[in-house]
Amino acid sequence: MLNEEKQKHFKNMLLKMKKDLESKIETEGKSNPNDATGELADYDNHPGDMGTEQFEQEKEAGLDRVRSDQLEEVDAALERIENGTFGISEKSGKPIPEERLEAEPTARYRVDEQ
């Protein structure tokens, strides 16, 4: 079981992760589709430029999904801190080693249970 000081440490880590993710979602999500090609207008593009633009848009959409999933994991970890279940495996109920939590503060399971 983690003491109060360790829980505060992990809560601060998670809050920083949450702030960083929200910031990335906010700034990256507002990019202009033409940023990928450097064009000012949508017309008169070479087909290769349009392909690059489409690829960049799809890549950003994928990254936004990953960031949203990560944000959900961070929120769930913060909720576990509030509930007093942070650092306890959801599978076995055994404590998750602090080293694992330092590397992955959103961890729900021990490494041997993955």
PDB file of N, CA and C in Angstrom:
ATOM      1  N   MET A   1       0.846  -1.181   0.000  1.00  0.00           N
ATOM      2  CA  MET A   1       0.000   0.000   0.000  1.00  0.00           C
ATOM      3  C   MET A   1       0.892   1.245   0.000  1.00  0.00           C
ATOM      4  N   LEU A   2       0.539   2.214  -0.813  1.00  0.00           N
ATOM      5  CA  LEU A   2       1.317   3.447  -0.920  1.00  0.00           C
ATOM      6  C   LEU A   2       0.956   4.404   0.208  1.00  0.00           C
ATOM      7  N   ASN A   3       1.989   5.024   0.777  1.00  0.00           N
ATOM      8  CA  ASN A   3       1.717   6.007   1.818  1.00  0.00           C
ATOM      9  C   ASN A   3       1.188   7.295   1.185  1.00  0.00           C
ATOM     10  N   GLU A   4       0.775   8.204   2.044  1.00  0.00           N
ATOM     11  CA  GLU A   4       0.141   9.440   1.567  1.00  0.00           C
ATOM     12  C   GLU A   4       1.095  10.274   0.715  1.00  0.00           C
ATOM     13  N   GLU A   5       2.368  10.307   1.093  1.00  0.00           N
ATOM     14  CA  GLU A   5       3.358  11.078   0.342  1.00  0.00           C
ATOM     15  C   GLU A   5       3.532  10.519  -1.074  1.00  0.00           C
ATOM     16  N   LYS A   6       3.598   9.192  -1.199  1.00  0.00           N
ATOM     17  CA  LYS A   6       3.744   8.557  -2.519  1.00  0.00           C
ATOM     18  C   LYS A   6       2.497   8.801  -3.367  1.00  0.00           C
ATOM     19  N   GLN A   7       1.326   8.691  -2.750  1.00  0.00           N
ATOM     20  CA  GLN A   7       0.089   8.939  -3.501  1.00  0.00           C
ATOM     21  C   GLN A   7       0.056  10.370  -4.027  1.00  0.00           C
ATOM     22  N   LYS A   8       0.518  11.317  -3.202  1.00  0.00           N
ATOM     23  CA  LYS A   8       0.563  12.717  -3.634  1.00  0.00           C
ATOM     24  C   LYS A   8       1.536  12.874  -4.800  1.00  0.00           C
ATOM     25  N   HIS A   9       2.674  12.187  -4.719  1.00  0.00           N
ATOM     26  CA  HIS A   9       3.665  12.219  -5.799  1.00  0.00           C
ATOM     27  C   HIS A   9       3.049  11.732  -7.114  1.00  0.00           C
ATOM     28  N   PHE A  10       2.371  10.573  -7.063  1.00  0.00           N
ATOM     29  CA  PHE A  10       1.770  10.022  -8.278  1.00  0.00           C
ATOM     30  C   PHE A  10       0.610  10.882  -8.770  1.00  0.00           C
ATOM     31  N   LYS A  11      -0.137  11.468  -7.840  1.00  0.00           N
ATOM     32  CA  LYS A  11      -1.233  12.354  -8.244  1.00  0.00           C
ATOM     33  C   LYS A  11      -0.669  13.555  -9.001  1.00  0.00           C
ATOM     34  N   ASN A  12       0.423  14.126  -8.507  1.00  0.00           N
ATOM     35  CA  ASN A  12       1.051  15.259  -9.200  1.00  0.00           C
ATOM     36  C   ASN A  12       1.561  14.845 -10.580  1.00  0.00           C
ATOM     37  N   MET A  13       2.150  13.645 -10.676  1.00  0.00           N
ATOM     38  CA  MET A  13       2.601  13.131 -11.982  1.00  0.00           C
ATOM     39  C   MET A  13       1.435  13.037 -12.948  1.00  0.00           C
ATOM     40  N   LEU A  14       0.339  12.464 -12.471  1.00  0.00           N
ATOM     41  CA  LEU A  14      -0.842  12.260 -13.312  1.00  0.00           C
ATOM     42  C   LEU A  14      -1.476  13.593 -13.715  1.00  0.00           C
ATOM     43  N   LEU A  15      -1.523  14.541 -12.797  1.00  0.00           N
ATOM     44  CA  LEU A  15      -2.087  15.847 -13.130  1.00  0.00           C
ATOM     45  C   LEU A  15      -1.245  16.560 -14.183  1.00  0.00           C
ATOM     46  N   LYS A  16       0.073  16.412 -14.109  1.00  0.00           N
ATOM     47  CA  LYS A  16       0.951  16.994 -15.127  1.00  0.00           C
ATOM     48  C   LYS A  16       0.717  16.310 -16.477  1.00  0.00           C
ATOM     49  N   MET A  17       0.608  14.976 -16.461  1.00  0.00           N
ATOM     50  CA  MET A  17       0.330  14.241 -17.701  1.00  0.00           C
ATOM     51  C   MET A  17      -0.988  14.717 -18.298  1.00  0.00           C
ATOM     52  N   LYS A  18      -2.001  14.879 -17.445  1.00  0.00           N
ATOM     53  CA  LYS A  18      -3.314  15.312 -17.915  1.00  0.00           C
ATOM     54  C   LYS A  18      -3.232  16.694 -18.556  1.00  0.00           C
ATOM     55  N   LYS A  19      -2.530  17.606 -17.901  1.00  0.00           N
ATOM     56  CA  LYS A  19      -2.389  18.959 -18.433  1.00  0.00           C
ATOM     57  C   LYS A  19      -1.670  18.942 -19.780  1.00  0.00           C
ATOM     58  N   ASP A  20      -0.602  18.158 -19.882  1.00  0.00           N
ATOM     59  CA  ASP A  20       0.149  18.053 -21.142  1.00  0.00           C
ATOM     60  C   ASP A  20      -0.725  17.480 -22.257  1.00  0.00           C
ATOM     61  N   LEU A  21      -1.460  16.426 -21.950  1.00  0.00           N
ATOM     62  CA  LEU A  21      -2.332  15.806 -22.962  1.00  0.00           C
ATOM     63  C   LEU A  21      -3.428  16.768 -23.407  1.00  0.00           C
ATOM     64  N   GLU A  22      -4.045  17.437 -22.448  1.00  0.00           N
ATOM     65  CA  GLU A  22      -5.108  18.390 -22.801  1.00  0.00           C
ATOM     66  C   GLU A  22      -4.553  19.522 -23.656  1.00  0.00           C
ATOM     67  N   SER A  23      -3.356  19.965 -23.336  1.00  0.00           N
ATOM     68  CA  SER A  23      -2.728  21.018 -24.112  1.00  0.00           C
ATOM     69  C   SER A  23      -2.447  20.557 -25.543  1.00  0.00           C
ATOM     70  N   LYS A  24      -1.924  19.331 -25.688  1.00  0.00           N
ATOM     71  CA  LYS A  24      -1.648  18.794 -27.020  1.00  0.00           C
ATOM     72  C   LYS A  24      -2.937  18.607 -27.816  1.00  0.00           C
ATOM     73  N   ILE A  25      -3.968  18.115 -27.164  1.00  0.00           N
ATOM     74  CA  ILE A  25      -5.250  17.918 -27.849  1.00  0.00           C
ATOM     75  C   ILE A  25      -5.788  19.271 -28.311  1.00  0.00           C
ATOM     76  N   GLU A  26      -5.671  20.270 -27.457  1.00  0.00           N
ATOM     77  CA  GLU A  26      -6.170  21.612 -27.778  1.00  0.00           C
ATOM     78  C   GLU A  26      -5.396  22.232 -28.939  1.00  0.00           C
ATOM     79  N   THR A  27      -4.069  22.209 -28.884  1.00  0.00           N
ATOM     80  CA  THR A  27      -3.279  22.885 -29.914  1.00  0.00           C
ATOM     81  C   THR A  27      -3.193  22.085 -31.204  1.00  0.00           C
ATOM     82  N   GLU A  28      -3.018  20.785 -31.102  1.00  0.00           N
ATOM     83  CA  GLU A  28      -2.885  19.957 -32.299  1.00  0.00           C
ATOM     84  C   GLU A  28      -4.223  19.807 -33.020  1.00  0.00           C
ATOM     85  N   GLY A  29      -5.311  19.806 -32.272  1.00  0.00           N
ATOM     86  CA  GLY A  29      -6.624  19.620 -32.872  1.00  0.00           C
ATOM     87  C   GLY A  29      -7.102  20.805 -33.684  1.00  0.00           C
ATOM     88  N   LYS A  30      -6.442  21.957 -33.522  1.00  0.00           N
ATOM     89  CA  LYS A  30      -6.878  23.160 -34.226  1.00  0.00           C
ATOM     90  C   LYS A  30      -6.010  23.478 -35.434  1.00  0.00           C
ATOM     91  N   SER A  31      -5.222  22.507 -35.887  1.00  0.00           N
ATOM     92  CA  SER A  31      -4.353  22.787 -37.027  1.00  0.00           C
ATOM     93  C   SER A  31      -5.160  22.884 -38.314  1.00  0.00           C
ATOM     94  N   ASN A  32      -4.675  23.685 -39.232  1.00  0.00           N
ATOM     95  CA  ASN A  32      -5.311  23.905 -40.525  1.00  0.00           C
ATOM     96  C   ASN A  32      -4.941  22.755 -41.460  1.00  0.00           C
ATOM     97  N   PRO A  33      -5.887  22.180 -42.208  1.00  0.00           N
ATOM     98  CA  PRO A  33      -5.566  21.093 -43.122  1.00  0.00           C
ATOM     99  C   PRO A  33      -4.483  21.450 -44.133  1.00  0.00           C
ATOM    100  N   ASN A  34      -4.362  22.714 -44.485  1.00  0.00           N
ATOM    101  CA  ASN A  34      -3.365  23.126 -45.471  1.00  0.00           C
ATOM    102  C   ASN A  34      -1.963  23.236 -44.873  1.00  0.00           C
ATOM    103  N   ASP A  35      -1.837  23.095 -43.565  1.00  0.00           N
ATOM    104  CA  ASP A  35      -0.527  23.173 -42.931  1.00  0.00           C
ATOM    105  C   ASP A  35       0.398  22.062 -43.428  1.00  0.00           C
ATOM    106  N   ALA A  36      -0.170  20.930 -43.777  1.00  0.00           N
ATOM    107  CA  ALA A  36       0.643  19.794 -44.224  1.00  0.00           C
ATOM    108  C   ALA A  36       1.388  20.114 -45.519  1.00  0.00           C
ATOM    109  N   THR A  37       0.754  20.873 -46.400  1.00  0.00           N
ATOM    110  CA  THR A  37       1.371  21.166 -47.688  1.00  0.00           C
ATOM    111  C   THR A  37       1.967  22.563 -47.753  1.00  0.00           C
ATOM    112  N   GLY A  38       1.658  23.406 -46.783  1.00  0.00           N
ATOM    113  CA  GLY A  38       2.163  24.768 -46.792  1.00  0.00           C
ATOM    114  C   GLY A  38       1.413  25.668 -47.747  1.00  0.00           C
ATOM    115  N   GLU A  39       0.288  25.220 -48.248  1.00  0.00           N
ATOM    116  CA  GLU A  39      -0.496  26.004 -49.200  1.00  0.00           C
ATOM    117  C   GLU A  39      -1.456  26.923 -48.460  1.00  0.00           C
ATOM    118  N   LEU A  40      -1.802  28.016 -49.090  1.00  0.00           N
ATOM    119  CA  LEU A  40      -2.745  28.960 -48.518  1.00  0.00           C
ATOM    120  C   LEU A  40      -4.182  28.662 -48.942  1.00  0.00           C
ATOM    121  N   ALA A  41      -4.353  27.918 -50.018  1.00  0.00           N
ATOM    122  CA  ALA A  41      -5.687  27.616 -50.525  1.00  0.00           C
ATOM    123  C   ALA A  41      -5.807  26.124 -50.805  1.00  0.00           C
ATOM    124  N   ASP A  42      -7.047  25.645 -50.946  1.00  0.00           N
ATOM    125  CA  ASP A  42      -7.310  24.232 -51.199  1.00  0.00           C
ATOM    126  C   ASP A  42      -7.285  23.875 -52.683  1.00  0.00           C
ATOM    127  N   TYR A  43      -7.231  24.848 -53.550  1.00  0.00           N
ATOM    128  CA  TYR A  43      -7.315  24.558 -54.982  1.00  0.00           C
ATOM    129  C   TYR A  43      -5.935  24.577 -55.625  1.00  0.00           C
ATOM    130  N   ASP A  44      -5.867  24.031 -56.817  1.00  0.00           N
ATOM    131  CA  ASP A  44      -4.663  24.020 -57.638  1.00  0.00           C
ATOM    132  C   ASP A  44      -3.512  23.261 -56.984  1.00  0.00           C
ATOM    133  N   ASN A  45      -3.849  22.227 -56.206  1.00  0.00           N
ATOM    134  CA  ASN A  45      -2.812  21.407 -55.585  1.00  0.00           C
ATOM    135  C   ASN A  45      -2.433  20.264 -56.507  1.00  0.00           C
ATOM    136  N   HIS A  46      -1.192  19.937 -56.491  1.00  0.00           N
ATOM    137  CA  HIS A  46      -0.700  18.748 -57.191  1.00  0.00           C
ATOM    138  C   HIS A  46      -1.278  17.525 -56.481  1.00  0.00           C
ATOM    139  N   PRO A  47      -1.617  16.452 -57.222  1.00  0.00           N
ATOM    140  CA  PRO A  47      -2.180  15.260 -56.566  1.00  0.00           C
ATOM    141  C   PRO A  47      -1.296  14.720 -55.439  1.00  0.00           C
ATOM    142  N   GLY A  48       0.005  14.847 -55.586  1.00  0.00           N
ATOM    143  CA  GLY A  48       0.899  14.400 -54.516  1.00  0.00           C
ATOM    144  C   GLY A  48       0.728  15.225 -53.258  1.00  0.00           C
ATOM    145  N   ASP A  49       0.504  16.538 -53.434  1.00  0.00           N
ATOM    146  CA  ASP A  49       0.272  17.409 -52.281  1.00  0.00           C
ATOM    147  C   ASP A  49      -1.030  17.044 -51.584  1.00  0.00           C
ATOM    148  N   MET A  50      -2.047  16.729 -52.381  1.00  0.00           N
ATOM    149  CA  MET A  50      -3.330  16.353 -51.783  1.00  0.00           C
ATOM    150  C   MET A  50      -3.204  15.037 -51.030  1.00  0.00           C
ATOM    151  N   GLY A  51      -2.396  14.120 -51.545  1.00  0.00           N
ATOM    152  CA  GLY A  51      -2.164  12.858 -50.842  1.00  0.00           C
ATOM    153  C   GLY A  51      -1.438  13.088 -49.531  1.00  0.00           C
ATOM    154  N   THR A  52      -0.455  13.969 -49.547  1.00  0.00           N
ATOM    155  CA  THR A  52       0.269  14.313 -48.326  1.00  0.00           C
ATOM    156  C   THR A  52      -0.671  14.932 -47.305  1.00  0.00           C
ATOM    157  N   GLU A  53      -1.519  15.828 -47.792  1.00  0.00           N
ATOM    158  CA  GLU A  53      -2.479  16.491 -46.913  1.00  0.00           C
ATOM    159  C   GLU A  53      -3.414  15.470 -46.262  1.00  0.00           C
ATOM    160  N   GLN A  54      -3.925  14.527 -47.066  1.00  0.00           N
ATOM    161  CA  GLN A  54      -4.825  13.511 -46.536  1.00  0.00           C
ATOM    162  C   GLN A  54      -4.095  12.636 -45.513  1.00  0.00           C
ATOM    163  N   PHE A  55      -2.861  12.250 -45.830  1.00  0.00           N
ATOM    164  CA  PHE A  55      -2.084  11.434 -44.910  1.00  0.00           C
ATOM    165  C   PHE A  55      -1.892  12.166 -43.577  1.00  0.00           C
ATOM    166  N   GLU A  56      -1.527  13.445 -43.634  1.00  0.00           N
ATOM    167  CA  GLU A  56      -1.290  14.225 -42.416  1.00  0.00           C
ATOM    168  C   GLU A  56      -2.571  14.359 -41.592  1.00  0.00           C
ATOM    169  N   GLN A  57      -3.705  14.550 -42.259  1.00  0.00           N
ATOM    170  CA  GLN A  57      -4.976  14.657 -41.545  1.00  0.00           C
ATOM    171  C   GLN A  57      -5.316  13.342 -40.842  1.00  0.00           C
ATOM    172  N   GLU A  58      -5.109  12.228 -41.532  1.00  0.00           N
ATOM    173  CA  GLU A  58      -5.390  10.923 -40.935  1.00  0.00           C
ATOM    174  C   GLU A  58      -4.433  10.627 -39.785  1.00  0.00           C
ATOM    175  N   LYS A  59      -3.169  11.021 -39.952  1.00  0.00           N
ATOM    176  CA  LYS A  59      -2.188  10.823 -38.889  1.00  0.00           C
ATOM    177  C   LYS A  59      -2.586  11.616 -37.647  1.00  0.00           C
ATOM    178  N   GLU A  60      -2.977  12.880 -37.832  1.00  0.00           N
ATOM    179  CA  GLU A  60      -3.399  13.712 -36.699  1.00  0.00           C
ATOM    180  C   GLU A  60      -4.647  13.157 -36.023  1.00  0.00           C
ATOM    181  N   ALA A  61      -5.576  12.640 -36.831  1.00  0.00           N
ATOM    182  CA  ALA A  61      -6.787  12.046 -36.257  1.00  0.00           C
ATOM    183  C   ALA A  61      -6.415  10.835 -35.399  1.00  0.00           C
ATOM    184  N   GLY A  62      -5.486  10.035 -35.869  1.00  0.00           N
ATOM    185  CA  GLY A  62      -5.022   8.880 -35.101  1.00  0.00           C
ATOM    186  C   GLY A  62      -4.333   9.296 -33.816  1.00  0.00           C
ATOM    187  N   LEU A  63      -3.490  10.313 -33.903  1.00  0.00           N
ATOM    188  CA  LEU A  63      -2.807  10.811 -32.708  1.00  0.00           C
ATOM    189  C   LEU A  63      -3.804  11.389 -31.710  1.00  0.00           C
ATOM    190  N   ASP A  64      -4.842  12.061 -32.205  1.00  0.00           N
ATOM    191  CA  ASP A  64      -5.875  12.595 -31.314  1.00  0.00           C
ATOM    192  C   ASP A  64      -6.593  11.473 -30.576  1.00  0.00           C
ATOM    193  N   ARG A  65      -6.861  10.358 -31.281  1.00  0.00           N
ATOM    194  CA  ARG A  65      -7.503   9.213 -30.628  1.00  0.00           C
ATOM    195  C   ARG A  65      -6.601   8.634 -29.551  1.00  0.00           C
ATOM    196  N   VAL A  66      -5.312   8.507 -29.853  1.00  0.00           N
ATOM    197  CA  VAL A  66      -4.358   7.979 -28.870  1.00  0.00           C
ATOM    198  C   VAL A  66      -4.307   8.899 -27.652  1.00  0.00           C
ATOM    199  N   ARG A  67      -4.226  10.196 -27.887  1.00  0.00           N
ATOM    200  CA  ARG A  67      -4.180  11.153 -26.772  1.00  0.00           C
ATOM    201  C   ARG A  67      -5.461  11.096 -25.944  1.00  0.00           C
ATOM    202  N   SER A  68      -6.593  10.956 -26.606  1.00  0.00           N
ATOM    203  CA  SER A  68      -7.867  10.851 -25.881  1.00  0.00           C
ATOM    204  C   SER A  68      -7.907   9.593 -25.028  1.00  0.00           C
ATOM    205  N   ASP A  69      -7.412   8.488 -25.584  1.00  0.00           N
ATOM    206  CA  ASP A  69      -7.352   7.235 -24.812  1.00  0.00           C
ATOM    207  C   ASP A  69      -6.420   7.387 -23.615  1.00  0.00           C
ATOM    208  N   GLN A  70      -5.274   8.035 -23.828  1.00  0.00           N
ATOM    209  CA  GLN A  70      -4.332   8.255 -22.734  1.00  0.00           C
ATOM    210  C   GLN A  70      -4.963   9.145 -21.660  1.00  0.00           C
ATOM    211  N   LEU A  71      -5.702  10.148 -22.082  1.00  0.00           N
ATOM    212  CA  LEU A  71      -6.366  11.042 -21.139  1.00  0.00           C
ATOM    213  C   LEU A  71      -7.391  10.277 -20.299  1.00  0.00           C
ATOM    214  N   GLU A  72      -8.114   9.356 -20.922  1.00  0.00           N
ATOM    215  CA  GLU A  72      -9.072   8.530 -20.189  1.00  0.00           C
ATOM    216  C   GLU A  72      -8.351   7.665 -19.147  1.00  0.00           C
ATOM    217  N   GLU A  73      -7.188   7.120 -19.516  1.00  0.00           N
ATOM    218  CA  GLU A  73      -6.408   6.303 -18.577  1.00  0.00           C
ATOM    219  C   GLU A  73      -5.914   7.151 -17.401  1.00  0.00           C
ATOM    220  N   VAL A  74      -5.478   8.369 -17.681  1.00  0.00           N
ATOM    221  CA  VAL A  74      -5.022   9.266 -16.618  1.00  0.00           C
ATOM    222  C   VAL A  74      -6.184   9.599 -15.684  1.00  0.00           C
ATOM    223  N   ASP A  75      -7.341   9.915 -16.259  1.00  0.00           N
ATOM    224  CA  ASP A  75      -8.516  10.221 -15.435  1.00  0.00           C
ATOM    225  C   ASP A  75      -8.912   9.023 -14.569  1.00  0.00           C
ATOM    226  N   ALA A  76      -8.826   7.822 -15.143  1.00  0.00           N
ATOM    227  CA  ALA A  76      -9.153   6.618 -14.379  1.00  0.00           C
ATOM    228  C   ALA A  76      -8.163   6.419 -13.229  1.00  0.00           C
ATOM    229  N   ALA A  77      -6.876   6.696 -13.479  1.00  0.00           N
ATOM    230  CA  ALA A  77      -5.867   6.564 -12.423  1.00  0.00           C
ATOM    231  C   ALA A  77      -6.111   7.592 -11.317  1.00  0.00           C
ATOM    232  N   LEU A  78      -6.468   8.818 -11.691  1.00  0.00           N
ATOM    233  CA  LEU A  78      -6.780   9.838 -10.692  1.00  0.00           C
ATOM    234  C   LEU A  78      -8.000   9.428  -9.866  1.00  0.00           C
ATOM    235  N   GLU A  79      -8.952   8.804 -10.514  1.00  0.00           N
ATOM    236  CA  GLU A  79     -10.141   8.315  -9.803  1.00  0.00           C
ATOM    237  C   GLU A  79      -9.755   7.203  -8.821  1.00  0.00           C
ATOM    238  N   ARG A  80      -8.821   6.345  -9.231  1.00  0.00           N
ATOM    239  CA  ARG A  80      -8.365   5.275  -8.327  1.00  0.00           C
ATOM    240  C   ARG A  80      -7.647   5.866  -7.109  1.00  0.00           C
ATOM    241  N   ILE A  81      -6.934   6.965  -7.307  1.00  0.00           N
ATOM    242  CA  ILE A  81      -6.299   7.630  -6.163  1.00  0.00           C
ATOM    243  C   ILE A  81      -7.375   8.115  -5.195  1.00  0.00           C
ATOM    244  N   GLU A  82      -8.412   8.728  -5.729  1.00  0.00           N
ATOM    245  CA  GLU A  82      -9.499   9.245  -4.885  1.00  0.00           C
ATOM    246  C   GLU A  82     -10.232   8.109  -4.166  1.00  0.00           C
ATOM    247  N   ASN A  83     -10.353   6.953  -4.834  1.00  0.00           N
ATOM    248  CA  ASN A  83     -11.067   5.807  -4.257  1.00  0.00           C
ATOM    249  C   ASN A  83     -10.205   4.975  -3.312  1.00  0.00           C
ATOM    250  N   GLY A  84      -8.900   5.261  -3.308  1.00  0.00           N
ATOM    251  CA  GLY A  84      -7.999   4.484  -2.463  1.00  0.00           C
ATOM    252  C   GLY A  84      -7.584   3.153  -3.065  1.00  0.00           C
ATOM    253  N   THR A  85      -7.770   2.982  -4.375  1.00  0.00           N
ATOM    254  CA  THR A  85      -7.399   1.718  -5.018  1.00  0.00           C
ATOM    255  C   THR A  85      -6.204   1.867  -5.942  1.00  0.00           C
ATOM    256  N   PHE A  86      -5.581   3.048  -5.963  1.00  0.00           N
ATOM    257  CA  PHE A  86      -4.425   3.266  -6.821  1.00  0.00           C
ATOM    258  C   PHE A  86      -3.257   2.422  -6.328  1.00  0.00           C
ATOM    259  N   GLY A  87      -2.548   1.791  -7.269  1.00  0.00           N
ATOM    260  CA  GLY A  87      -1.397   0.972  -6.912  1.00  0.00           C
ATOM    261  C   GLY A  87      -1.756  -0.444  -6.531  1.00  0.00           C
ATOM    262  N   ILE A  88      -3.013  -0.807  -6.726  1.00  0.00           N
ATOM    263  CA  ILE A  88      -3.476  -2.163  -6.442  1.00  0.00           C
ATOM    264  C   ILE A  88      -3.976  -2.763  -7.742  1.00  0.00           C
ATOM    265  N   SER A  89      -3.489  -3.962  -8.053  1.00  0.00           N
ATOM    266  CA  SER A  89      -3.862  -4.614  -9.301  1.00  0.00           C
ATOM    267  C   SER A  89      -5.363  -4.887  -9.345  1.00  0.00           C
ATOM    268  N   GLU A  90      -5.961  -4.581 -10.488  1.00  0.00           N
ATOM    269  CA  GLU A  90      -7.384  -4.846 -10.668  1.00  0.00           C
ATOM    270  C   GLU A  90      -7.651  -6.334 -10.892  1.00  0.00           C
ATOM    271  N   LYS A  91      -6.604  -7.089 -11.241  1.00  0.00           N
ATOM    272  CA  LYS A  91      -6.771  -8.528 -11.456  1.00  0.00           C
ATOM    273  C   LYS A  91      -6.650  -9.316 -10.164  1.00  0.00           C
ATOM    274  N   SER A  92      -5.543  -9.108  -9.452  1.00  0.00           N
ATOM    275  CA  SER A  92      -5.249  -9.953  -8.301  1.00  0.00           C
ATOM    276  C   SER A  92      -5.452  -9.266  -6.959  1.00  0.00           C
ATOM    277  N   GLY A  93      -5.516  -7.950  -6.957  1.00  0.00           N
ATOM    278  CA  GLY A  93      -5.621  -7.229  -5.702  1.00  0.00           C
ATOM    279  C   GLY A  93      -4.280  -7.065  -4.997  1.00  0.00           C
ATOM    280  N   LYS A  94      -3.207  -7.512  -5.650  1.00  0.00           N
ATOM    281  CA  LYS A  94      -1.867  -7.372  -5.082  1.00  0.00           C
ATOM    282  C   LYS A  94      -1.336  -5.971  -5.399  1.00  0.00           C
ATOM    283  N   PRO A  95      -0.409  -5.484  -4.564  1.00  0.00           N
ATOM    284  CA  PRO A  95       0.170  -4.170  -4.837  1.00  0.00           C
ATOM    285  C   PRO A  95       1.000  -4.161  -6.124  1.00  0.00           C
ATOM    286  N   ILE A  96       0.900  -3.076  -6.858  1.00  0.00           N
ATOM    287  CA  ILE A  96       1.721  -2.871  -8.052  1.00  0.00           C
ATOM    288  C   ILE A  96       3.028  -2.240  -7.564  1.00  0.00           C
ATOM    289  N   PRO A  97       4.179  -2.797  -7.948  1.00  0.00           N
ATOM    290  CA  PRO A  97       5.451  -2.229  -7.485  1.00  0.00           C
ATOM    291  C   PRO A  97       5.598  -0.747  -7.875  1.00  0.00           C
ATOM    292  N   GLU A  98       6.213   0.020  -6.976  1.00  0.00           N
ATOM    293  CA  GLU A  98       6.396   1.453  -7.216  1.00  0.00           C
ATOM    294  C   GLU A  98       7.204   1.718  -8.480  1.00  0.00           C
ATOM    295  N   GLU A  99       8.151   0.840  -8.784  1.00  0.00           N
ATOM    296  CA  GLU A  99       8.961   1.016  -9.989  1.00  0.00           C
ATOM    297  C   GLU A  99       8.080   1.005 -11.228  1.00  0.00           C
ATOM    298  N   ARG A 100       7.091   0.138 -11.235  1.00  0.00           N
ATOM    299  CA  ARG A 100       6.166   0.071 -12.371  1.00  0.00           C
ATOM    300  C   ARG A 100       5.331   1.345 -12.440  1.00  0.00           C
ATOM    301  N   LEU A 101       4.873   1.806 -11.295  1.00  0.00           N
ATOM    302  CA  LEU A 101       4.054   3.019 -11.272  1.00  0.00           C
ATOM    303  C   LEU A 101       4.866   4.243 -11.680  1.00  0.00           C
ATOM    304  N   GLU A 102       6.157   4.259 -11.345  1.00  0.00           N
ATOM    305  CA  GLU A 102       7.012   5.365 -11.775  1.00  0.00           C
ATOM    306  C   GLU A 102       7.127   5.376 -13.297  1.00  0.00           C
ATOM    307  N   ALA A 103       7.252   4.185 -13.879  1.00  0.00           N
ATOM    308  CA  ALA A 103       7.386   4.074 -15.337  1.00  0.00           C
ATOM    309  C   ALA A 103       6.047   4.287 -16.037  1.00  0.00           C
ATOM    310  N   GLU A 104       4.982   3.787 -15.438  1.00  0.00           N
ATOM    311  CA  GLU A 104       3.645   3.864 -16.044  1.00  0.00           C
ATOM    312  C   GLU A 104       2.620   4.134 -14.942  1.00  0.00           C
ATOM    313  N   PRO A 105       2.422   5.417 -14.590  1.00  0.00           N
ATOM    314  CA  PRO A 105       1.531   5.727 -13.474  1.00  0.00           C
ATOM    315  C   PRO A 105       0.064   5.365 -13.700  1.00  0.00           C
ATOM    316  N   THR A 106      -0.304   5.052 -14.929  1.00  0.00           N
ATOM    317  CA  THR A 106      -1.695   4.661 -15.195  1.00  0.00           C
ATOM    318  C   THR A 106      -1.885   3.144 -15.121  1.00  0.00           C
ATOM    319  N   ALA A 107      -0.831   2.420 -14.725  1.00  0.00           N
ATOM    320  CA  ALA A 107      -0.882   0.951 -14.717  1.00  0.00           C
ATOM    321  C   ALA A 107      -2.042   0.442 -13.852  1.00  0.00           C
ATOM    322  N   ARG A 108      -2.744  -0.541 -14.398  1.00  0.00           N
ATOM    323  CA  ARG A 108      -3.854  -1.168 -13.685  1.00  0.00           C
ATOM    324  C   ARG A 108      -3.475  -2.549 -13.155  1.00  0.00           C
ATOM    325  N   TYR A 109      -2.408  -3.115 -13.724  1.00  0.00           N
ATOM    326  CA  TYR A 109      -2.013  -4.480 -13.386  1.00  0.00           C
ATOM    327  C   TYR A 109      -0.513  -4.556 -13.110  1.00  0.00           C
ATOM    328  N   ARG A 110      -0.120  -5.613 -12.446  1.00  0.00           N
ATOM    329  CA  ARG A 110       1.290  -5.908 -12.268  1.00  0.00           C
ATOM    330  C   ARG A 110       1.843  -6.414 -13.601  1.00  0.00           C
ATOM    331  N   VAL A 111       3.151  -6.346 -13.780  1.00  0.00           N
ATOM    332  CA  VAL A 111       3.767  -6.789 -15.035  1.00  0.00           C
ATOM    333  C   VAL A 111       3.483  -8.267 -15.283  1.00  0.00           C
ATOM    334  N   ASP A 112       3.564  -9.090 -14.238  1.00  0.00           N
ATOM    335  CA  ASP A 112       3.348 -10.531 -14.395  1.00  0.00           C
ATOM    336  C   ASP A 112       1.901 -10.892 -14.701  1.00  0.00           C
ATOM    337  N   GLU A 113       0.993  -9.926 -14.647  1.00  0.00           N
ATOM    338  CA  GLU A 113      -0.423 -10.184 -14.939  1.00  0.00           C
ATOM    339  C   GLU A 113      -0.842  -9.673 -16.322  1.00  0.00           C
ATOM    340  N   GLN A 114       0.060  -9.018 -16.999  1.00  0.00           N
ATOM    341  CA  GLN A 114      -0.277  -8.438 -18.305  1.00  0.00           C
ATOM    342  C   GLN A 114      -0.510  -9.488 -19.336  1.00  0.00           C
TER     343      GLN A 114
END
